[in-house]
Amino acid sequence: PIASDAFSITLTVDRQSSIPQRCHVR
């Protein structure tokens, strides 16, 4: 279990070029 916890990765990838400017500076 320790190995699976240490080397399991969850990522969230957004297309930054599509995010409006107001969301970046909010």
mmCIF file of all heavy atoms, coordinates in Angstrom:
data_MODEL
# 
_entry.id   MODEL 
# 
loop_
_atom_site.group_PDB 
_atom_site.id 
_atom_site.type_symbol 
_atom_site.label_atom_id 
_atom_site.label_alt_id 
_atom_site.label_comp_id 
_atom_site.label_asym_id 
_atom_site.label_entity_id 
_atom_site.label_seq_id 
_atom_site.pdbx_PDB_ins_code 
_atom_site.Cartn_x 
_atom_site.Cartn_y 
_atom_site.Cartn_z 
_atom_site.occupancy 
_atom_site.B_iso_or_equiv 
_atom_site.pdbx_formal_charge 
_atom_site.auth_seq_id 
_atom_site.auth_comp_id 
_atom_site.auth_asym_id 
_atom_site.auth_atom_id 
_atom_site.pdbx_PDB_model_num 
ATOM 1   N N   . PRO A 1 1  ? 0.809   -1.228 0.000   1.00 0.00 ? 1  PRO A N   1 
ATOM 2   C CA  . PRO A 1 1  ? 0.000   0.000  0.000   1.00 0.00 ? 1  PRO A CA  1 
ATOM 3   C C   . PRO A 1 1  ? 0.835   1.266  0.000   1.00 0.00 ? 1  PRO A C   1 
ATOM 4   O O   . PRO A 1 1  ? 0.467   2.257  -0.640  1.00 0.00 ? 1  PRO A O   1 
ATOM 5   C CB  . PRO A 1 1  ? -0.840  -0.126 1.284   1.00 0.00 ? 1  PRO A CB  1 
ATOM 6   C CG  . PRO A 1 1  ? -0.842  -1.586 1.600   1.00 0.00 ? 1  PRO A CG  1 
ATOM 7   C CD  . PRO A 1 1  ? 0.478   -2.117 1.121   1.00 0.00 ? 1  PRO A CD  1 
ATOM 8   N N   . ILE A 1 2  ? 1.971   1.256  0.720   1.00 0.00 ? 2  ILE A N   1 
ATOM 9   C CA  . ILE A 1 2  ? 2.784   2.473  0.788   1.00 0.00 ? 2  ILE A CA  1 
ATOM 10  C C   . ILE A 1 2  ? 3.300   2.848  -0.588  1.00 0.00 ? 2  ILE A C   1 
ATOM 11  O O   . ILE A 1 2  ? 3.355   4.017  -0.965  1.00 0.00 ? 2  ILE A O   1 
ATOM 12  C CB  . ILE A 1 2  ? 3.953   2.278  1.770   1.00 0.00 ? 2  ILE A CB  1 
ATOM 13  C CG1 . ILE A 1 2  ? 3.416   1.906  3.155   1.00 0.00 ? 2  ILE A CG1 1 
ATOM 14  C CG2 . ILE A 1 2  ? 4.811   3.522  1.856   1.00 0.00 ? 2  ILE A CG2 1 
ATOM 15  C CD1 . ILE A 1 2  ? 4.494   1.626  4.165   1.00 0.00 ? 2  ILE A CD1 1 
ATOM 16  N N   . ALA A 1 3  ? 3.696   1.843  -1.370  1.00 0.00 ? 3  ALA A N   1 
ATOM 17  C CA  . ALA A 1 3  ? 4.232   2.110  -2.703  1.00 0.00 ? 3  ALA A CA  1 
ATOM 18  C C   . ALA A 1 3  ? 3.167   2.709  -3.610  1.00 0.00 ? 3  ALA A C   1 
ATOM 19  O O   . ALA A 1 3  ? 3.421   3.668  -4.349  1.00 0.00 ? 3  ALA A O   1 
ATOM 20  C CB  . ALA A 1 3  ? 4.787   0.826  -3.310  1.00 0.00 ? 3  ALA A CB  1 
ATOM 21  N N   . SER A 1 4  ? 1.960   2.150  -3.569  1.00 0.00 ? 4  SER A N   1 
ATOM 22  C CA  . SER A 1 4  ? 0.896   2.671  -4.430  1.00 0.00 ? 4  SER A CA  1 
ATOM 23  C C   . SER A 1 4  ? 0.515   4.092  -4.036  1.00 0.00 ? 4  SER A C   1 
ATOM 24  O O   . SER A 1 4  ? 0.197   4.921  -4.899  1.00 0.00 ? 4  SER A O   1 
ATOM 25  C CB  . SER A 1 4  ? -0.327  1.758  -4.362  1.00 0.00 ? 4  SER A CB  1 
ATOM 26  O OG  . SER A 1 4  ? -0.803  1.662  -3.029  1.00 0.00 ? 4  SER A OG  1 
ATOM 27  N N   . ASP A 1 5  ? 0.555   4.410  -2.739  1.00 0.00 ? 5  ASP A N   1 
ATOM 28  C CA  . ASP A 1 5  ? 0.227   5.764  -2.305  1.00 0.00 ? 5  ASP A CA  1 
ATOM 29  C C   . ASP A 1 5  ? 1.316   6.756  -2.697  1.00 0.00 ? 5  ASP A C   1 
ATOM 30  O O   . ASP A 1 5  ? 1.021   7.888  -3.103  1.00 0.00 ? 5  ASP A O   1 
ATOM 31  C CB  . ASP A 1 5  ? 0.021   5.798  -0.788  1.00 0.00 ? 5  ASP A CB  1 
ATOM 32  C CG  . ASP A 1 5  ? -1.193  4.983  -0.370  1.00 0.00 ? 5  ASP A CG  1 
ATOM 33  O OD1 . ASP A 1 5  ? -2.057  4.728  -1.238  1.00 0.00 ? 5  ASP A OD1 1 
ATOM 34  O OD2 . ASP A 1 5  ? -1.265  4.582  0.799   1.00 0.00 ? 5  ASP A OD2 1 
ATOM 35  N N   . ALA A 1 6  ? 2.579   6.339  -2.597  1.00 0.00 ? 6  ALA A N   1 
ATOM 36  C CA  . ALA A 1 6  ? 3.685   7.255  -2.850  1.00 0.00 ? 6  ALA A CA  1 
ATOM 37  C C   . ALA A 1 6  ? 3.874   7.532  -4.334  1.00 0.00 ? 6  ALA A C   1 
ATOM 38  O O   . ALA A 1 6  ? 4.347   8.611  -4.698  1.00 0.00 ? 6  ALA A O   1 
ATOM 39  C CB  . ALA A 1 6  ? 4.979   6.697  -2.244  1.00 0.00 ? 6  ALA A CB  1 
ATOM 40  N N   . PHE A 1 7  ? 3.519   6.591  -5.188  1.00 0.00 ? 7  PHE A N   1 
ATOM 41  C CA  . PHE A 1 7  ? 3.793   6.740  -6.617  1.00 0.00 ? 7  PHE A CA  1 
ATOM 42  C C   . PHE A 1 7  ? 2.522   6.760  -7.459  1.00 0.00 ? 7  PHE A C   1 
ATOM 43  O O   . PHE A 1 7  ? 2.577   6.502  -8.645  1.00 0.00 ? 7  PHE A O   1 
ATOM 44  C CB  . PHE A 1 7  ? 4.719   5.625  -7.087  1.00 0.00 ? 7  PHE A CB  1 
ATOM 45  C CG  . PHE A 1 7  ? 6.110   5.730  -6.540  1.00 0.00 ? 7  PHE A CG  1 
ATOM 46  C CD1 . PHE A 1 7  ? 6.462   5.063  -5.383  1.00 0.00 ? 7  PHE A CD1 1 
ATOM 47  C CD2 . PHE A 1 7  ? 7.049   6.520  -7.169  1.00 0.00 ? 7  PHE A CD2 1 
ATOM 48  C CE1 . PHE A 1 7  ? 7.736   5.164  -4.864  1.00 0.00 ? 7  PHE A CE1 1 
ATOM 49  C CE2 . PHE A 1 7  ? 8.332   6.632  -6.659  1.00 0.00 ? 7  PHE A CE2 1 
ATOM 50  C CZ  . PHE A 1 7  ? 8.684   5.955  -5.502  1.00 0.00 ? 7  PHE A CZ  1 
ATOM 51  N N   . SER A 1 8  ? 1.386   7.046  -6.850  1.00 0.00 ? 8  SER A N   1 
ATOM 52  C CA  . SER A 1 8  ? 0.150   7.289  -7.598  1.00 0.00 ? 8  SER A CA  1 
ATOM 53  C C   . SER A 1 8  ? -0.075  8.795  -7.668  1.00 0.00 ? 8  SER A C   1 
ATOM 54  O O   . SER A 1 8  ? -0.058  9.478  -6.638  1.00 0.00 ? 8  SER A O   1 
ATOM 55  C CB  . SER A 1 8  ? -1.041  6.611  -6.929  1.00 0.00 ? 8  SER A CB  1 
ATOM 56  O OG  . SER A 1 8  ? -0.918  5.210  -6.991  1.00 0.00 ? 8  SER A OG  1 
ATOM 57  N N   . ILE A 1 9  ? -0.256  9.305  -8.861  1.00 0.00 ? 9  ILE A N   1 
ATOM 58  C CA  . ILE A 1 9  ? -0.346  10.747 -9.085  1.00 0.00 ? 9  ILE A CA  1 
ATOM 59  C C   . ILE A 1 9  ? -1.672  11.056 -9.768  1.00 0.00 ? 9  ILE A C   1 
ATOM 60  O O   . ILE A 1 9  ? -2.076  10.376 -10.711 1.00 0.00 ? 9  ILE A O   1 
ATOM 61  C CB  . ILE A 1 9  ? 0.827   11.244 -9.946  1.00 0.00 ? 9  ILE A CB  1 
ATOM 62  C CG1 . ILE A 1 9  ? 2.155   10.982 -9.233  1.00 0.00 ? 9  ILE A CG1 1 
ATOM 63  C CG2 . ILE A 1 9  ? 0.684   12.723 -10.262 1.00 0.00 ? 9  ILE A CG2 1 
ATOM 64  C CD1 . ILE A 1 9  ? 3.355   11.382 -10.053 1.00 0.00 ? 9  ILE A CD1 1 
ATOM 65  N N   . THR A 1 10 ? -2.339  12.088 -9.285  1.00 0.00 ? 10 THR A N   1 
ATOM 66  C CA  . THR A 1 10 ? -3.567  12.584 -9.896  1.00 0.00 ? 10 THR A CA  1 
ATOM 67  C C   . THR A 1 10 ? -3.339  14.007 -10.363 1.00 0.00 ? 10 THR A C   1 
ATOM 68  O O   . THR A 1 10 ? -2.913  14.865 -9.583  1.00 0.00 ? 10 THR A O   1 
ATOM 69  C CB  . THR A 1 10 ? -4.741  12.540 -8.896  1.00 0.00 ? 10 THR A CB  1 
ATOM 70  O OG1 . THR A 1 10 ? -4.925  11.190 -8.448  1.00 0.00 ? 10 THR A OG1 1 
ATOM 71  C CG2 . THR A 1 10 ? -6.013  13.021 -9.556  1.00 0.00 ? 10 THR A CG2 1 
ATOM 72  N N   . LEU A 1 11 ? -3.584  14.265 -11.645 1.00 0.00 ? 11 LEU A N   1 
ATOM 73  C CA  . LEU A 1 11 ? -3.353  15.574 -12.240 1.00 0.00 ? 11 LEU A CA  1 
ATOM 74  C C   . LEU A 1 11 ? -4.646  16.119 -12.825 1.00 0.00 ? 11 LEU A C   1 
ATOM 75  O O   . LEU A 1 11 ? -5.510  15.366 -13.254 1.00 0.00 ? 11 LEU A O   1 
ATOM 76  C CB  . LEU A 1 11 ? -2.310  15.485 -13.364 1.00 0.00 ? 11 LEU A CB  1 
ATOM 77  C CG  . LEU A 1 11 ? -0.942  14.892 -13.041 1.00 0.00 ? 11 LEU A CG  1 
ATOM 78  C CD1 . LEU A 1 11 ? -0.132  14.783 -14.322 1.00 0.00 ? 11 LEU A CD1 1 
ATOM 79  C CD2 . LEU A 1 11 ? -0.215  15.764 -12.036 1.00 0.00 ? 11 LEU A CD2 1 
ATOM 80  N N   . THR A 1 12 ? -4.743  17.438 -12.847 1.00 0.00 ? 12 THR A N   1 
ATOM 81  C CA  . THR A 1 12 ? -5.808  18.140 -13.541 1.00 0.00 ? 12 THR A CA  1 
ATOM 82  C C   . THR A 1 12 ? -5.157  19.091 -14.526 1.00 0.00 ? 12 THR A C   1 
ATOM 83  O O   . THR A 1 12 ? -4.408  19.988 -14.122 1.00 0.00 ? 12 THR A O   1 
ATOM 84  C CB  . THR A 1 12 ? -6.705  18.921 -12.574 1.00 0.00 ? 12 THR A CB  1 
ATOM 85  O OG1 . THR A 1 12 ? -7.320  18.005 -11.651 1.00 0.00 ? 12 THR A OG1 1 
ATOM 86  C CG2 . THR A 1 12 ? -7.791  19.658 -13.314 1.00 0.00 ? 12 THR A CG2 1 
ATOM 87  N N   . VAL A 1 13 ? -5.429  18.881 -15.805 1.00 0.00 ? 13 VAL A N   1 
ATOM 88  C CA  . VAL A 1 13 ? -4.784  19.668 -16.864 1.00 0.00 ? 13 VAL A CA  1 
ATOM 89  C C   . VAL A 1 13 ? -5.861  20.461 -17.584 1.00 0.00 ? 13 VAL A C   1 
ATOM 90  O O   . VAL A 1 13 ? -6.797  19.887 -18.142 1.00 0.00 ? 13 VAL A O   1 
ATOM 91  C CB  . VAL A 1 13 ? -4.028  18.763 -17.865 1.00 0.00 ? 13 VAL A CB  1 
ATOM 92  C CG1 . VAL A 1 13 ? -3.286  19.611 -18.888 1.00 0.00 ? 13 VAL A CG1 1 
ATOM 93  C CG2 . VAL A 1 13 ? -3.062  17.840 -17.128 1.00 0.00 ? 13 VAL A CG2 1 
ATOM 94  N N   . ASP A 1 14 ? -5.736  21.796 -17.548 1.00 0.00 ? 14 ASP A N   1 
ATOM 95  C CA  . ASP A 1 14 ? -6.642  22.688 -18.265 1.00 0.00 ? 14 ASP A CA  1 
ATOM 96  C C   . ASP A 1 14 ? -5.914  23.315 -19.448 1.00 0.00 ? 14 ASP A C   1 
ATOM 97  O O   . ASP A 1 14 ? -4.688  23.472 -19.425 1.00 0.00 ? 14 ASP A O   1 
ATOM 98  C CB  . ASP A 1 14 ? -7.165  23.802 -17.350 1.00 0.00 ? 14 ASP A CB  1 
ATOM 99  C CG  . ASP A 1 14 ? -8.047  23.266 -16.236 1.00 0.00 ? 14 ASP A CG  1 
ATOM 100 O OD1 . ASP A 1 14 ? -8.632  22.184 -16.427 1.00 0.00 ? 14 ASP A OD1 1 
ATOM 101 O OD2 . ASP A 1 14 ? -8.138  23.923 -15.183 1.00 0.00 ? 14 ASP A OD2 1 
ATOM 102 N N   . ARG A 1 15 ? -6.658  23.669 -20.462 1.00 0.00 ? 15 ARG A N   1 
ATOM 103 C CA  . ARG A 1 15 ? -6.063  24.385 -21.587 1.00 0.00 ? 15 ARG A CA  1 
ATOM 104 C C   . ARG A 1 15 ? -5.989  25.863 -21.220 1.00 0.00 ? 15 ARG A C   1 
ATOM 105 O O   . ARG A 1 15 ? -6.954  26.607 -21.329 1.00 0.00 ? 15 ARG A O   1 
ATOM 106 C CB  . ARG A 1 15 ? -6.890  24.184 -22.853 1.00 0.00 ? 15 ARG A CB  1 
ATOM 107 C CG  . ARG A 1 15 ? -6.181  24.648 -24.116 1.00 0.00 ? 15 ARG A CG  1 
ATOM 108 C CD  . ARG A 1 15 ? -6.868  24.148 -25.362 1.00 0.00 ? 15 ARG A CD  1 
ATOM 109 N NE  . ARG A 1 15 ? -8.156  24.792 -25.558 1.00 0.00 ? 15 ARG A NE  1 
ATOM 110 C CZ  . ARG A 1 15 ? -9.010  24.448 -26.519 1.00 0.00 ? 15 ARG A CZ  1 
ATOM 111 N NH1 . ARG A 1 15 ? -8.709  23.464 -27.328 1.00 0.00 ? 15 ARG A NH1 1 
ATOM 112 N NH2 . ARG A 1 15 ? -10.169 25.080 -26.646 1.00 0.00 ? 15 ARG A NH2 1 
ATOM 113 N N   . GLN A 1 16 ? -4.816  26.275 -20.763 1.00 0.00 ? 16 GLN A N   1 
ATOM 114 C CA  . GLN A 1 16 ? -4.656  27.607 -20.202 1.00 0.00 ? 16 GLN A CA  1 
ATOM 115 C C   . GLN A 1 16 ? -4.975  28.702 -21.205 1.00 0.00 ? 16 GLN A C   1 
ATOM 116 O O   . GLN A 1 16 ? -5.440  29.780 -20.825 1.00 0.00 ? 16 GLN A O   1 
ATOM 117 C CB  . GLN A 1 16 ? -3.222  27.774 -19.682 1.00 0.00 ? 16 GLN A CB  1 
ATOM 118 C CG  . GLN A 1 16 ? -2.851  26.822 -18.557 1.00 0.00 ? 16 GLN A CG  1 
ATOM 119 C CD  . GLN A 1 16 ? -3.690  27.048 -17.315 1.00 0.00 ? 16 GLN A CD  1 
ATOM 120 O OE1 . GLN A 1 16 ? -4.084  28.177 -17.013 1.00 0.00 ? 16 GLN A OE1 1 
ATOM 121 N NE2 . GLN A 1 16 ? -3.966  25.972 -16.578 1.00 0.00 ? 16 GLN A NE2 1 
ATOM 122 N N   . SER A 1 17 ? -4.729  28.450 -22.480 1.00 0.00 ? 17 SER A N   1 
ATOM 123 C CA  . SER A 1 17 ? -4.976  29.493 -23.476 1.00 0.00 ? 17 SER A CA  1 
ATOM 124 C C   . SER A 1 17 ? -6.462  29.813 -23.628 1.00 0.00 ? 17 SER A C   1 
ATOM 125 O O   . SER A 1 17 ? -6.811  30.864 -24.160 1.00 0.00 ? 17 SER A O   1 
ATOM 126 C CB  . SER A 1 17 ? -4.408  29.057 -24.836 1.00 0.00 ? 17 SER A CB  1 
ATOM 127 O OG  . SER A 1 17 ? -5.019  27.847 -25.271 1.00 0.00 ? 17 SER A OG  1 
ATOM 128 N N   . SER A 1 18 ? -7.332  28.915 -23.161 1.00 0.00 ? 18 SER A N   1 
ATOM 129 C CA  . SER A 1 18 ? -8.777  29.132 -23.296 1.00 0.00 ? 18 SER A CA  1 
ATOM 130 C C   . SER A 1 18 ? -9.390  29.760 -22.055 1.00 0.00 ? 18 SER A C   1 
ATOM 131 O O   . SER A 1 18 ? -10.542 30.228 -22.115 1.00 0.00 ? 18 SER A O   1 
ATOM 132 C CB  . SER A 1 18 ? -9.486  27.800 -23.591 1.00 0.00 ? 18 SER A CB  1 
ATOM 133 O OG  . SER A 1 18 ? -9.001  27.212 -24.766 1.00 0.00 ? 18 SER A OG  1 
ATOM 134 N N   . ILE A 1 19 ? -8.680  29.746 -20.940 1.00 0.00 ? 19 ILE A N   1 
ATOM 135 C CA  . ILE A 1 19 ? -9.243  30.304 -19.708 1.00 0.00 ? 19 ILE A CA  1 
ATOM 136 C C   . ILE A 1 19 ? -9.292  31.824 -19.812 1.00 0.00 ? 19 ILE A C   1 
ATOM 137 O O   . ILE A 1 19 ? -8.286  32.463 -20.130 1.00 0.00 ? 19 ILE A O   1 
ATOM 138 C CB  . ILE A 1 19 ? -8.403  29.878 -18.493 1.00 0.00 ? 19 ILE A CB  1 
ATOM 139 C CG1 . ILE A 1 19 ? -8.390  28.354 -18.380 1.00 0.00 ? 19 ILE A CG1 1 
ATOM 140 C CG2 . ILE A 1 19 ? -8.948  30.500 -17.211 1.00 0.00 ? 19 ILE A CG2 1 
ATOM 141 C CD1 . ILE A 1 19 ? -7.563  27.840 -17.233 1.00 0.00 ? 19 ILE A CD1 1 
ATOM 142 N N   . PRO A 1 20 ? -10.427 32.450 -19.566 1.00 0.00 ? 20 PRO A N   1 
ATOM 143 C CA  . PRO A 1 20 ? -10.524 33.911 -19.665 1.00 0.00 ? 20 PRO A CA  1 
ATOM 144 C C   . PRO A 1 20 ? -9.610  34.614 -18.666 1.00 0.00 ? 20 PRO A C   1 
ATOM 145 O O   . PRO A 1 20 ? -9.280  34.085 -17.599 1.00 0.00 ? 20 PRO A O   1 
ATOM 146 C CB  . PRO A 1 20 ? -12.004 34.188 -19.368 1.00 0.00 ? 20 PRO A CB  1 
ATOM 147 C CG  . PRO A 1 20 ? -12.704 32.885 -19.590 1.00 0.00 ? 20 PRO A CG  1 
ATOM 148 C CD  . PRO A 1 20 ? -11.716 31.824 -19.253 1.00 0.00 ? 20 PRO A CD  1 
ATOM 149 N N   . GLN A 1 21 ? -9.221  35.819 -19.030 1.00 0.00 ? 21 GLN A N   1 
ATOM 150 C CA  . GLN A 1 21 ? -8.311  36.597 -18.176 1.00 0.00 ? 21 GLN A CA  1 
ATOM 151 C C   . GLN A 1 21 ? -8.914  36.880 -16.811 1.00 0.00 ? 21 GLN A C   1 
ATOM 152 O O   . GLN A 1 21 ? -8.216  36.894 -15.801 1.00 0.00 ? 21 GLN A O   1 
ATOM 153 C CB  . GLN A 1 21 ? -7.985  37.921 -18.887 1.00 0.00 ? 21 GLN A CB  1 
ATOM 154 C CG  . GLN A 1 21 ? -6.865  38.721 -18.249 1.00 0.00 ? 21 GLN A CG  1 
ATOM 155 C CD  . GLN A 1 21 ? -5.522  38.078 -18.413 1.00 0.00 ? 21 GLN A CD  1 
ATOM 156 O OE1 . GLN A 1 21 ? -5.061  37.385 -17.503 1.00 0.00 ? 21 GLN A OE1 1 
ATOM 157 N NE2 . GLN A 1 21 ? -4.902  38.267 -19.553 1.00 0.00 ? 21 GLN A NE2 1 
ATOM 158 N N   . ARG A 1 22 ? -10.239 37.105 -16.755 1.00 0.00 ? 22 ARG A N   1 
ATOM 159 C CA  . ARG A 1 22 ? -10.878 37.413 -15.478 1.00 0.00 ? 22 ARG A CA  1 
ATOM 160 C C   . ARG A 1 22 ? -10.755 36.256 -14.491 1.00 0.00 ? 22 ARG A C   1 
ATOM 161 O O   . ARG A 1 22 ? -10.745 36.476 -13.279 1.00 0.00 ? 22 ARG A O   1 
ATOM 162 C CB  . ARG A 1 22 ? -12.338 37.769 -15.701 1.00 0.00 ? 22 ARG A CB  1 
ATOM 163 C CG  . ARG A 1 22 ? -13.173 36.667 -16.336 1.00 0.00 ? 22 ARG A CG  1 
ATOM 164 C CD  . ARG A 1 22 ? -14.582 37.143 -16.629 1.00 0.00 ? 22 ARG A CD  1 
ATOM 165 N NE  . ARG A 1 22 ? -15.406 36.110 -17.248 1.00 0.00 ? 22 ARG A NE  1 
ATOM 166 C CZ  . ARG A 1 22 ? -15.433 35.867 -18.551 1.00 0.00 ? 22 ARG A CZ  1 
ATOM 167 N NH1 . ARG A 1 22 ? -14.659 36.567 -19.367 1.00 0.00 ? 22 ARG A NH1 1 
ATOM 168 N NH2 . ARG A 1 22 ? -16.211 34.922 -19.048 1.00 0.00 ? 22 ARG A NH2 1 
ATOM 169 N N   . CYS A 1 23 ? -10.666 35.015 -15.013 1.00 0.00 ? 23 CYS A N   1 
ATOM 170 C CA  . CYS A 1 23 ? -10.519 33.869 -14.108 1.00 0.00 ? 23 CYS A CA  1 
ATOM 171 C C   . CYS A 1 23 ? -9.097  33.785 -13.560 1.00 0.00 ? 23 CYS A C   1 
ATOM 172 O O   . CYS A 1 23 ? -8.893  33.341 -12.423 1.00 0.00 ? 23 CYS A O   1 
ATOM 173 C CB  . CYS A 1 23 ? -10.889 32.582 -14.843 1.00 0.00 ? 23 CYS A CB  1 
ATOM 174 S SG  . CYS A 1 23 ? -12.605 32.515 -15.409 1.00 0.00 ? 23 CYS A SG  1 
ATOM 175 N N   . HIS A 1 24 ? -8.131  34.221 -14.347 1.00 0.00 ? 24 HIS A N   1 
ATOM 176 C CA  . HIS A 1 24 ? -6.746  34.197 -13.880 1.00 0.00 ? 24 HIS A CA  1 
ATOM 177 C C   . HIS A 1 24 ? -6.511  35.208 -12.752 1.00 0.00 ? 24 HIS A C   1 
ATOM 178 O O   . HIS A 1 24 ? -5.772  34.937 -11.803 1.00 0.00 ? 24 HIS A O   1 
ATOM 179 C CB  . HIS A 1 24 ? -5.793  34.493 -15.040 1.00 0.00 ? 24 HIS A CB  1 
ATOM 180 C CG  . HIS A 1 24 ? -5.633  33.353 -16.000 1.00 0.00 ? 24 HIS A CG  1 
ATOM 181 N ND1 . HIS A 1 24 ? -5.026  32.164 -15.651 1.00 0.00 ? 24 HIS A ND1 1 
ATOM 182 C CD2 . HIS A 1 24 ? -6.003  33.216 -17.305 1.00 0.00 ? 24 HIS A CD2 1 
ATOM 183 C CE1 . HIS A 1 24 ? -5.023  31.346 -16.699 1.00 0.00 ? 24 HIS A CE1 1 
ATOM 184 N NE2 . HIS A 1 24 ? -5.617  31.955 -17.703 1.00 0.00 ? 24 HIS A NE2 1 
ATOM 185 N N   . VAL A 1 25 ? -7.116  36.394 -12.880 1.00 0.00 ? 25 VAL A N   1 
ATOM 186 C CA  . VAL A 1 25 ? -6.829  37.475 -11.927 1.00 0.00 ? 25 VAL A CA  1 
ATOM 187 C C   . VAL A 1 25 ? -7.893  37.609 -10.856 1.00 0.00 ? 25 VAL A C   1 
ATOM 188 O O   . VAL A 1 25 ? -7.830  38.541 -10.046 1.00 0.00 ? 25 VAL A O   1 
ATOM 189 C CB  . VAL A 1 25 ? -6.684  38.815 -12.693 1.00 0.00 ? 25 VAL A CB  1 
ATOM 190 C CG1 . VAL A 1 25 ? -5.581  38.724 -13.735 1.00 0.00 ? 25 VAL A CG1 1 
ATOM 191 C CG2 . VAL A 1 25 ? -8.003  39.213 -13.359 1.00 0.00 ? 25 VAL A CG2 1 
ATOM 192 N N   . ARG A 1 26 ? -8.858  36.688 -10.817 1.00 0.00 ? 26 ARG A N   1 
ATOM 193 C CA  . ARG A 1 26 ? -10.004 36.866 -9.920  1.00 0.00 ? 26 ARG A CA  1 
ATOM 194 C C   . ARG A 1 26 ? -9.594  36.937 -8.457  1.00 0.00 ? 26 ARG A C   1 
ATOM 195 O O   . ARG A 1 26 ? -10.019 37.840 -7.720  1.00 0.00 ? 26 ARG A O   1 
ATOM 196 C CB  . ARG A 1 26 ? -11.001 35.709 -10.132 1.00 0.00 ? 26 ARG A CB  1 
ATOM 197 C CG  . ARG A 1 26 ? -12.287 35.843 -9.335  1.00 0.00 ? 26 ARG A CG  1 
ATOM 198 C CD  . ARG A 1 26 ? -13.060 34.556 -9.366  1.00 0.00 ? 26 ARG A CD  1 
ATOM 199 N NE  . ARG A 1 26 ? -12.281 33.453 -8.807  1.00 0.00 ? 26 ARG A NE  1 
ATOM 200 C CZ  . ARG A 1 26 ? -12.146 33.235 -7.498  1.00 0.00 ? 26 ARG A CZ  1 
ATOM 201 N NH1 . ARG A 1 26 ? -12.716 34.054 -6.607  1.00 0.00 ? 26 ARG A NH1 1 
ATOM 202 N NH2 . ARG A 1 26 ? -11.432 32.223 -7.069  1.00 0.00 ? 26 ARG A NH2 1 
# 
